[in-house]
Amino acid sequence: MDMYYTQDLNLREIGVQLGVSESRVSQLISKSIAQLRQMLSPWRNDTDRSHLRAQ
């Protein structure tokens, strides 16, 4: 994910560096994002409801 978001490499460039296809890089990035969303979901859910508690 660092290569994609921080170093601004495209899928092909990342694939060359890792020795995998562009398709596999896309799969890995998607899987990483899904894992991060799952890990962060407790905080996201709290944030989503926080406006209700303030009333």
Protein backbone atom coordinates (compact mmCIF):
# COMPACT_ATOMS: atom_id res chain seq x y z
CA MET A 1 0.00 0.00 0.00
CA ASP A 2 2.92 2.30 0.66
CA MET A 3 4.10 1.96 -2.92
CA TYR A 4 0.66 2.80 -4.25
CA TYR A 5 -0.42 5.62 -1.93
CA THR A 6 2.86 7.17 -0.77
CA GLN A 7 5.27 6.48 -3.59
CA ASP A 8 2.57 6.96 -6.28
CA LEU A 9 3.58 3.86 -8.21
CA ASN A 10 1.00 2.33 -10.52
CA LEU A 11 -0.06 -1.32 -10.39
CA ARG A 12 2.32 -2.33 -13.16
CA GLU A 13 5.32 -0.70 -11.47
CA ILE A 14 4.49 -2.33 -8.15
CA GLY A 15 4.03 -5.68 -9.86
CA VAL A 16 7.45 -5.44 -11.46
CA GLN A 17 9.08 -4.68 -8.11
CA LEU A 18 7.24 -7.53 -6.37
CA GLY A 19 7.45 -9.99 -9.23
CA VAL A 20 3.68 -10.40 -9.54
CA SER A 21 1.00 -9.39 -12.03
CA GLU A 22 -0.93 -6.12 -11.99
CA SER A 23 -4.02 -8.14 -11.20
CA ARG A 24 -2.36 -9.66 -8.13
CA VAL A 25 -1.24 -6.22 -6.93
CA SER A 26 -4.83 -5.01 -7.23
CA GLN A 27 -6.03 -8.02 -5.25
CA LEU A 28 -3.46 -7.39 -2.51
CA ILE A 29 -4.36 -3.71 -2.22
CA SER A 30 -8.09 -4.50 -2.10
CA LYS A 31 -7.53 -7.14 0.56
CA SER A 32 -5.42 -4.74 2.63
CA ILE A 33 -8.07 -2.03 2.45
CA ALA A 34 -10.76 -4.50 3.51
CA GLN A 35 -8.64 -5.62 6.46
CA LEU A 36 -8.02 -2.02 7.53
CA ARG A 37 -11.73 -1.22 7.30
CA GLN A 38 -12.53 -4.22 9.47
CA MET A 39 -9.87 -3.29 12.02
CA LEU A 40 -11.08 0.32 12.15
CA SER A 41 -14.80 -0.45 12.13
CA PRO A 42 -15.23 -0.14 15.93
CA TRP A 43 -14.03 3.46 15.77
CA ARG A 44 -15.95 4.23 12.60
CA ASN A 45 -19.16 2.91 14.15
CA ASP A 46 -18.59 5.05 17.27
CA THR A 47 -18.00 8.09 15.09
CA ASP A 48 -21.11 7.39 13.03
CA ARG A 49 -23.26 7.42 16.18
CA SER A 50 -21.50 10.24 18.00
CA HIS A 51 -23.80 12.88 16.55
CA LEU A 52 -26.75 11.09 18.13
CA ARG A 53 -25.25 11.23 21.63
CA ALA A 54 -24.64 14.96 21.44
CA GLN A 55 -28.35 15.78 21.22
